[in-house]
């Protein structure tokens, strides 16, 4: 299948009006998505007290949303191939915003988990499609930098949701806090709808059955590079969510005894990710993607070790290093996924997101039992093991050296 602009379509160049509109639109989508997805993360100790549940159970409010997202990224990608990236993302973002406004009305913990799962399922239409849309609409010369800018935008979205929820929860409880975040996400959703330019790099596919689309996943699951990148998403995101899920419990306990609003401020460390995601994408053009990925994992692990120190200032410094390393690694892995294949980009990106959010769901929940049984030291040791596994996978399965030279893209075939 040829793209709508013909074989000569090379994508929008950096600095063009359409390039800026795409990044602004995806920034709005990132705010709407990640502000809602993780708005309760800084409220987990409060939820545990108010709903009389354990730390691991409170962590399920994050895992429920992320597992819902993980389960639906592939169906959303199939829908996007048929109906178009922008139209599908618009549907997803509207549905997620409506569900987000209903979450605070949950009468009990089981209903809360169910509503968070549905919200996550709707949000699944954004992350994978955003990267595919970006890779199809922006010139390959600038795609890695644009991916870094998008990931930086997602950090701001996640930061905004957490920072807003904490102080509001202190004043009016978690229900009003989550409702406030969803209301702001609705404004961001409108921004996406108004800014996103019509796609030119893909024509919607028609007449392709589900069976053939599933068969199209087989080559992606046999690709060693893609499998390595999916493993990065699973292991590193699982580690990242675990730290932010349970550090609040440590800081609200003696000797720190921080209130919810103060604990919410730890998410300012996300600003390090806003910088590092763009820096890593730019550095990869000179140092090579694998080298930057491995360096980012080392930075993550070093920051994690620093959080073992008792002084609060050192805990926060370690958190900043850990966060910077994670977003650097995620920027490289997510952007690399979109460039490994020339066909089935949406499915390749969806599989990355499946691993990424499966790690958030499974490891983010399971690590709660490690924390409950052995405290912060046991959790750090377990997460360091995950970092070693991620590094070994990258060393064995990902190519060394600089990225392949940019070449003229072929017309996009049907997926």
Protein backbone atom coordinates (compact mmCIF):
# COMPACT_ATOMS: atom_id res chain seq x y z
CA UNK A 1 0.00 0.00 0.00
CA UNK A 2 1.38 3.42 -0.90
CA UNK A 3 1.19 6.37 1.40
CA UNK A 4 -0.99 9.32 0.66
CA UNK A 5 1.86 11.53 -0.48
CA UNK A 6 3.32 8.95 -2.89
CA UNK A 7 6.70 7.21 -2.76
CA UNK A 8 8.56 10.55 -2.48
CA UNK A 9 7.03 11.40 0.92
CA UNK A 10 9.93 11.96 3.29
CA UNK A 11 8.11 13.33 6.32
CA UNK A 12 7.95 16.78 7.89
CA UNK A 13 11.28 18.43 8.61
CA UNK A 14 12.34 19.87 11.94
CA UNK A 15 11.25 23.47 12.30
CA UNK A 16 8.31 23.23 9.93
CA UNK A 17 4.85 24.29 11.08
CA UNK A 18 3.51 20.73 10.79
CA UNK A 19 6.49 19.38 12.78
CA UNK A 20 5.75 21.80 15.62
CA UNK A 21 2.04 21.01 15.53
CA UNK A 22 2.73 17.27 15.73
CA UNK A 23 4.97 17.69 18.78
CA UNK A 24 2.49 20.04 20.48
CA UNK A 25 -0.41 17.69 19.75
CA UNK A 26 1.47 14.68 21.06
CA UNK A 27 2.52 16.73 24.08
CA UNK A 28 -1.15 17.36 24.84
CA UNK A 29 -1.87 13.65 24.35
CA UNK A 30 0.97 12.80 26.72
CA UNK A 31 -0.42 15.12 29.38
CA UNK A 32 -3.93 13.72 29.02
CA UNK A 33 -2.66 10.14 29.11
CA UNK A 34 0.01 10.09 31.78
CA UNK A 35 -1.56 12.62 34.13
CA UNK A 36 -4.56 10.27 34.44
CA UNK A 37 -2.67 6.99 34.32
CA UNK A 38 -0.46 7.76 37.31
CA UNK A 39 -2.47 10.40 39.19
CA UNK A 40 -3.03 8.03 42.13
CA UNK A 41 0.62 6.98 42.45
CA UNK A 42 1.51 9.67 44.97
CA UNK A 43 -1.70 8.90 46.86
CA UNK A 44 -1.05 5.19 47.49
CA UNK A 45 -0.31 5.53 51.24
CA UNK A 46 -3.46 7.66 51.59
CA UNK A 47 -5.51 5.10 49.66
CA UNK A 48 -4.09 2.31 51.83
CA UNK A 49 -5.23 4.11 54.99
CA UNK A 50 -8.62 5.26 53.72
CA UNK A 51 -9.59 1.94 52.12
CA UNK A 52 -7.89 -0.23 54.79
CA UNK A 53 -5.70 -2.11 52.28
CA UNK A 54 -2.02 -3.13 52.14
CA UNK A 55 0.76 -1.43 50.19
CA UNK A 56 0.67 -4.16 47.52
CA UNK A 57 -3.11 -3.81 47.21
CA UNK A 58 -2.80 -0.05 46.87
CA UNK A 59 -0.24 -0.65 44.13
CA UNK A 60 -2.94 -2.52 42.23
CA UNK A 61 -4.65 0.79 41.45
CA UNK A 62 -1.63 1.53 39.24
CA UNK A 63 -1.29 -2.03 37.95
CA UNK A 64 -4.99 -2.28 37.04
CA UNK A 65 -4.70 0.74 34.74
CA UNK A 66 -1.42 -0.33 33.19
CA UNK A 67 -2.52 -3.93 32.59
CA UNK A 68 -5.67 -2.59 30.92
CA UNK A 69 -3.44 -0.46 28.73
CA UNK A 70 -1.12 -3.37 27.95
CA UNK A 71 -4.01 -5.61 26.91
CA UNK A 72 -5.40 -3.10 24.44
CA UNK A 73 -2.37 -1.63 22.67
CA UNK A 74 -2.55 -4.24 19.91
CA UNK A 75 -6.31 -3.91 19.26
CA UNK A 76 -5.87 -0.13 19.15
CA UNK A 77 -3.03 -0.50 16.64
CA UNK A 78 -5.23 -2.69 14.40
CA UNK A 79 -7.98 -0.08 14.61
CA UNK A 80 -5.47 2.64 13.71
CA UNK A 81 -4.43 0.77 10.56
CA UNK A 82 -8.04 0.71 9.46
CA UNK A 83 -9.30 4.11 10.58
CA UNK A 84 -6.11 6.17 10.74
CA UNK A 85 -3.76 7.16 13.56
CA UNK A 86 -5.24 10.54 14.46
CA UNK A 87 -8.86 9.43 14.36
CA UNK A 88 -8.10 6.40 16.55
CA UNK A 89 -6.07 8.42 19.05
CA UNK A 90 -8.88 10.97 19.24
CA UNK A 91 -11.39 8.22 20.06
CA UNK A 92 -9.09 6.79 22.73
CA UNK A 93 -8.35 10.10 24.39
CA UNK A 94 -12.03 11.09 24.57
CA UNK A 95 -13.01 7.71 26.07
CA UNK A 96 -10.17 7.85 28.61
CA UNK A 97 -11.10 11.34 29.73
CA UNK A 98 -14.75 10.39 30.28
CA UNK A 99 -13.75 7.29 32.27
CA UNK A 100 -11.23 9.32 34.26
CA UNK A 101 -14.01 11.65 35.38
CA UNK A 102 -16.01 8.61 36.57
CA UNK A 103 -13.17 7.03 38.61
CA UNK A 104 -13.68 9.29 41.68
CA UNK A 105 -17.27 8.08 41.91
CA UNK A 106 -16.16 4.49 42.68
CA UNK A 107 -17.95 3.41 45.89
CA UNK A 108 -15.39 0.79 46.97
CA UNK A 109 -11.99 -0.74 46.20
CA UNK A 110 -13.15 -3.47 43.74
CA UNK A 111 -15.13 -0.94 41.70
CA UNK A 112 -12.15 1.43 41.78
CA UNK A 113 -9.95 -1.32 40.32
CA UNK A 114 -12.53 -2.03 37.62
CA UNK A 115 -12.83 1.63 36.63
CA UNK A 116 -9.05 2.04 36.58
CA UNK A 117 -8.78 -1.01 34.31
CA UNK A 118 -11.31 0.46 31.86
CA UNK A 119 -9.51 3.80 31.97
CA UNK A 120 -6.24 2.06 31.16
CA UNK A 121 -7.85 0.18 28.28
CA UNK A 122 -8.93 3.48 26.75
CA UNK A 123 -5.50 5.03 27.32
CA UNK A 124 -3.93 2.13 25.39
CA UNK A 125 -4.81 3.94 22.17
CA UNK A 126 -2.27 6.70 22.77
CA UNK A 127 1.33 5.63 23.56
CA UNK A 128 2.01 3.10 20.79
CA UNK A 129 0.12 5.04 18.14
CA UNK A 130 1.92 8.26 19.07
CA UNK A 131 5.32 6.75 18.26
CA UNK A 132 4.03 5.14 15.04
CA UNK A 133 2.39 8.41 13.97
CA UNK A 134 5.59 10.28 14.74
CA UNK A 135 7.79 7.87 12.76
CA UNK A 136 5.45 8.07 9.75
CA UNK A 137 4.95 11.82 9.72
CA UNK A 138 8.43 13.15 10.57
CA UNK A 139 11.54 12.82 8.43
CA UNK A 140 13.73 9.96 9.63
CA UNK A 141 16.65 12.36 10.07
CA UNK A 142 14.69 14.06 12.86
CA UNK A 143 12.60 11.12 14.12
CA UNK A 144 14.88 10.14 17.03
CA UNK A 145 15.00 13.73 18.29
CA UNK A 146 11.24 14.05 17.90
CA UNK A 147 10.73 10.81 19.84
CA UNK A 148 12.91 12.22 22.61
CA UNK A 149 10.82 15.39 22.64
CA UNK A 150 7.63 13.31 22.86
CA UNK A 151 8.97 11.24 25.76
CA UNK A 152 10.00 14.49 27.46
CA UNK A 153 6.41 15.67 27.07
CA UNK A 154 5.08 12.52 28.67
CA UNK A 155 7.26 13.14 31.72
CA UNK A 156 5.64 16.55 32.11
CA UNK A 157 2.21 14.96 31.88
CA UNK A 158 3.03 12.40 34.53
CA UNK A 159 4.60 15.06 36.73
CA UNK A 160 1.62 17.38 36.41
CA UNK A 161 -0.88 14.72 37.44
CA UNK A 162 1.08 13.71 40.50
CA UNK A 163 1.90 17.24 41.66
CA UNK A 164 -1.72 18.34 41.34
CA UNK A 165 -3.16 15.28 43.06
CA UNK A 166 -0.97 15.45 46.18
CA UNK A 167 -1.89 18.90 47.56
CA UNK A 168 -5.55 18.56 46.53
CA UNK A 169 -5.73 15.18 48.30
CA UNK A 170 -4.35 16.77 51.49
CA UNK A 171 -7.12 19.38 51.34
CA UNK A 172 -10.10 17.46 50.00
CA UNK A 173 -9.28 13.74 49.73
CA UNK A 174 -8.27 11.43 46.91
CA UNK A 175 -11.61 11.58 45.07
CA UNK A 176 -11.48 15.33 44.51
CA UNK A 177 -7.77 15.02 43.66
CA UNK A 178 -8.31 12.47 40.87
CA UNK A 179 -11.31 14.40 39.55
CA UNK A 180 -9.17 17.55 39.32
CA UNK A 181 -6.53 15.72 37.31
CA UNK A 182 -9.10 14.29 34.91
CA UNK A 183 -10.65 17.73 34.38
CA UNK A 184 -7.24 19.11 33.39
CA UNK A 185 -6.68 16.08 31.15
CA UNK A 186 -9.90 16.96 29.34
CA UNK A 187 -8.45 20.37 28.46
CA UNK A 188 -5.28 18.69 27.14
CA UNK A 189 -7.41 16.28 25.10
CA UNK A 190 -9.10 19.22 23.41
CA UNK A 191 -5.64 20.59 22.60
CA UNK A 192 -4.71 17.35 20.86
CA UNK A 193 -7.91 17.35 18.82
CA UNK A 194 -7.30 20.91 17.64
CA UNK A 195 -3.56 20.62 16.93
CA UNK A 196 -2.93 17.20 15.36
CA UNK A 197 -2.41 17.62 11.59
CA UNK A 198 -3.98 15.08 9.21
CA UNK A 199 -1.65 12.10 8.61
CA UNK A 200 0.23 11.90 5.30
CA UNK A 201 2.47 8.89 5.89
CA UNK A 202 -0.24 6.24 6.04
CA UNK A 203 -3.50 5.49 4.28
CA UNK A 204 -6.05 3.55 6.34
CA UNK A 205 -6.16 -0.13 5.43
CA UNK A 206 -9.40 -1.89 4.52
CA UNK A 207 -10.40 -5.49 4.16
CA UNK A 208 -7.62 -7.05 6.24
CA UNK A 209 -8.86 -9.70 8.66
CA UNK A 210 -7.85 -10.12 12.28
CA UNK A 211 -6.18 -13.46 11.53
CA UNK A 212 -3.86 -11.96 8.92
CA UNK A 213 -3.07 -9.06 11.22
CA UNK A 214 -2.16 -11.46 14.02
CA UNK A 215 -0.03 -13.43 11.57
CA UNK A 216 1.77 -10.18 10.82
CA UNK A 217 2.99 -10.16 14.43
CA UNK A 218 5.03 -13.33 13.94
CA UNK A 219 7.97 -11.65 12.14
CA UNK A 220 8.05 -8.99 14.84
CA UNK A 221 8.22 -11.63 17.59
CA UNK A 222 11.07 -13.38 15.77
CA UNK A 223 13.15 -10.22 15.46
CA UNK A 224 15.98 -10.41 18.01
CA UNK A 225 16.42 -6.65 18.18
CA UNK A 226 12.75 -6.05 18.84
CA UNK A 227 12.64 -8.76 21.51
CA UNK A 228 15.58 -7.11 23.24
CA UNK A 229 13.84 -3.75 23.15
CA UNK A 230 10.61 -5.24 24.49
CA UNK A 231 12.64 -6.74 27.35
CA UNK A 232 14.06 -3.28 28.12
CA UNK A 233 10.56 -1.89 28.40
CA UNK A 234 9.38 -4.71 30.66
CA UNK A 235 12.34 -4.75 33.04
CA UNK A 236 13.14 -1.05 33.27
CA UNK A 237 9.56 0.19 33.50
CA UNK A 238 8.85 -2.43 36.17
CA UNK A 239 11.79 -1.08 38.16
CA UNK A 240 10.79 2.54 37.64
CA UNK A 241 7.18 2.12 38.74
CA UNK A 242 8.24 0.06 41.75
CA UNK A 243 10.43 2.87 43.08
CA UNK A 244 7.72 5.50 42.73
CA UNK A 245 4.98 3.19 44.04
CA UNK A 246 6.67 2.42 47.33
CA UNK A 247 9.07 5.27 48.09
CA UNK A 248 6.08 7.25 49.40
CA UNK A 249 5.43 4.57 52.04
CA UNK A 250 9.05 4.90 53.20
CA UNK A 251 8.89 8.71 53.37
CA UNK A 252 5.55 8.84 55.20
CA UNK A 253 6.90 6.47 57.87
CA UNK A 254 9.40 7.34 60.67
CA UNK A 255 11.86 9.00 60.72
CA UNK A 256 10.67 11.19 57.83
CA UNK A 257 6.89 11.43 58.50
CA UNK A 258 6.24 13.54 55.39
CA UNK A 259 2.63 14.54 54.54
CA UNK A 260 1.00 13.56 51.23
CA UNK A 261 1.58 16.99 49.70
CA UNK A 262 5.30 16.83 50.52
CA UNK A 263 5.64 13.28 49.18
CA UNK A 264 4.06 14.46 45.93
CA UNK A 265 7.05 16.77 45.48
CA UNK A 266 9.33 13.78 44.89
CA UNK A 267 7.81 13.63 41.44
CA UNK A 268 9.68 16.82 40.58
CA UNK A 269 12.47 14.36 39.85
CA UNK A 270 10.57 13.77 36.60
CA UNK A 271 12.07 17.02 35.34
CA UNK A 272 15.38 15.16 35.13
CA UNK A 273 13.66 12.76 32.75
CA UNK A 274 12.40 15.64 30.63
CA UNK A 275 16.02 16.69 30.08
CA UNK A 276 17.62 13.25 29.83
CA UNK A 277 15.16 11.85 27.29
CA UNK A 278 16.03 14.55 24.78
CA UNK A 279 19.73 14.47 25.65
CA UNK A 280 19.91 10.70 25.21
CA UNK A 281 18.19 10.83 21.83
CA UNK A 282 20.62 13.51 20.64
CA UNK A 283 23.69 11.73 22.04
CA UNK A 284 22.75 8.45 20.36
CA UNK A 285 23.50 9.99 16.95
CA UNK A 286 27.16 10.32 18.00
CA UNK A 287 27.73 7.55 20.53
CA UNK A 288 25.36 4.87 19.24
CA UNK A 289 22.03 3.78 20.62
CA UNK A 290 23.23 0.73 22.51
CA UNK A 291 25.98 2.65 24.29
CA UNK A 292 23.57 5.35 25.42
CA UNK A 293 21.03 2.72 26.48
CA UNK A 294 23.60 0.88 28.60
CA UNK A 295 24.89 4.13 30.07
CA UNK A 296 21.35 5.09 31.04
CA UNK A 297 20.85 1.75 32.81
CA UNK A 298 24.08 2.28 34.74
CA UNK A 299 22.83 5.72 35.77
CA UNK A 300 19.55 4.17 36.92
CA UNK A 301 21.33 1.59 39.03
CA UNK A 302 23.71 4.12 40.56
CA UNK A 303 20.83 6.38 41.52
CA UNK A 304 18.96 3.43 43.01
CA UNK A 305 21.97 2.63 45.20
CA UNK A 306 22.13 6.22 46.46
CA UNK A 307 18.51 5.99 47.69
CA UNK A 308 19.73 3.51 50.32
CA UNK A 309 21.32 6.41 52.20
CA UNK A 310 19.43 7.71 55.22
CA UNK A 311 19.59 11.50 54.71
CA UNK A 312 16.54 12.74 52.82
CA UNK A 313 18.61 14.94 50.53
CA UNK A 314 20.61 11.92 49.34
CA UNK A 315 17.45 9.88 48.79
CA UNK A 316 16.13 12.66 46.58
CA UNK A 317 19.44 13.01 44.73
CA UNK A 318 19.46 9.28 44.04
CA UNK A 319 15.88 9.51 42.80
CA UNK A 320 16.85 12.26 40.34
CA UNK A 321 19.71 10.14 38.94
CA UNK A 322 17.49 7.07 38.75
CA UNK A 323 14.75 8.99 36.94
CA UNK A 324 17.15 10.59 34.48
CA UNK A 325 18.62 7.19 33.65
CA UNK A 326 15.23 5.59 33.14
CA UNK A 327 13.87 8.21 30.77
CA UNK A 328 17.12 8.21 28.82
CA UNK A 329 16.82 4.44 28.36
CA UNK A 330 13.11 4.62 27.52
CA UNK A 331 13.69 7.36 24.94
CA UNK A 332 16.29 5.20 23.17
CA UNK A 333 14.33 1.93 23.35
CA UNK A 334 10.98 3.35 22.25
CA UNK A 335 12.46 5.36 19.40
CA UNK A 336 14.62 2.42 18.27
CA UNK A 337 11.56 0.17 18.08
CA UNK A 338 9.93 2.37 15.46
CA UNK A 339 13.02 2.38 13.22
CA UNK A 340 13.87 -1.34 13.29
CA UNK A 341 11.07 -2.22 10.86
CA UNK A 342 9.67 -0.51 7.78
CA UNK A 343 6.34 -2.37 7.93
CA UNK A 344 4.04 -2.98 10.90
CA UNK A 345 5.39 0.00 12.81
CA UNK A 346 2.22 0.42 14.86
CA UNK A 347 2.29 -3.26 15.86
CA UNK A 348 6.01 -3.13 16.68
CA UNK A 349 5.45 -0.08 18.87
CA UNK A 350 2.38 -1.72 20.41
CA UNK A 351 4.38 -4.79 21.36
CA UNK A 352 6.96 -2.54 22.99
CA UNK A 353 4.20 -0.86 24.96
CA UNK A 354 2.75 -4.26 25.83
CA UNK A 355 6.06 -5.22 27.43
CA UNK A 356 6.48 -1.77 28.96
CA UNK A 357 3.12 -1.69 30.70
CA UNK A 358 3.18 -5.39 31.53
CA UNK A 359 6.35 -4.62 33.46
CA UNK A 360 4.60 -1.74 35.18
CA UNK A 361 1.65 -3.98 36.09
CA UNK A 362 3.35 -7.23 37.07
CA UNK A 363 6.65 -6.04 38.52
CA UNK A 364 5.12 -2.89 40.03
CA UNK A 365 2.65 -5.06 41.94
CA UNK A 366 4.96 -7.98 42.81
CA UNK A 367 7.68 -5.68 44.14
CA UNK A 368 5.17 -4.54 46.78
CA UNK A 369 5.48 -7.93 48.44
CA UNK A 370 9.28 -7.61 48.38
CA UNK A 371 9.01 -4.19 50.02
CA UNK A 372 6.54 -5.43 52.65
CA UNK A 373 8.74 -8.42 53.50
CA UNK A 374 12.22 -6.90 53.42
CA UNK A 375 11.92 -3.13 53.32
CA UNK A 376 13.67 -0.70 51.02
CA UNK A 377 16.98 -2.61 50.95
CA UNK A 378 15.32 -5.78 49.65
CA UNK A 379 13.47 -3.77 47.00
CA UNK A 380 16.68 -2.09 45.79
CA UNK A 381 18.45 -5.44 45.50
CA UNK A 382 15.57 -6.92 43.50
CA UNK A 383 15.46 -3.94 41.14
CA UNK A 384 19.23 -4.02 40.66
CA UNK A 385 18.84 -7.61 39.43
CA UNK A 386 16.33 -6.39 36.85
CA UNK A 387 18.84 -3.78 35.66
CA UNK A 388 21.51 -6.47 35.23
CA UNK A 389 19.10 -8.60 33.18
CA UNK A 390 18.23 -5.60 30.98
CA UNK A 391 21.90 -4.81 30.38
CA UNK A 392 22.77 -8.41 29.54
CA UNK A 393 19.88 -8.60 27.08
CA UNK A 394 21.00 -5.41 25.36
CA UNK A 395 24.62 -6.56 25.14
CA UNK A 396 23.69 -9.93 23.65
CA UNK A 397 20.87 -9.01 21.25
CA UNK A 398 21.31 -5.37 20.24
CA UNK A 399 23.94 -4.25 17.70
CA UNK A 400 26.88 -2.14 18.83
CA UNK A 401 28.08 0.99 17.12
CA UNK A 402 26.26 3.89 15.54
CA UNK A 403 22.78 3.74 14.07
CA UNK A 404 22.42 2.74 10.44
CA UNK A 405 22.64 5.65 7.98
CA UNK A 406 19.32 7.23 7.11
CA UNK A 407 18.03 6.13 3.73
CA UNK A 408 15.12 7.13 1.57
CA UNK A 409 12.05 5.33 2.99
CA UNK A 410 10.10 2.89 0.88
CA UNK A 411 6.34 3.35 0.45
CA UNK A 412 4.53 1.99 3.48
CA UNK A 413 2.90 -1.34 2.65
CA UNK A 414 -0.24 -2.69 4.25
CA UNK A 415 0.23 -4.18 7.68
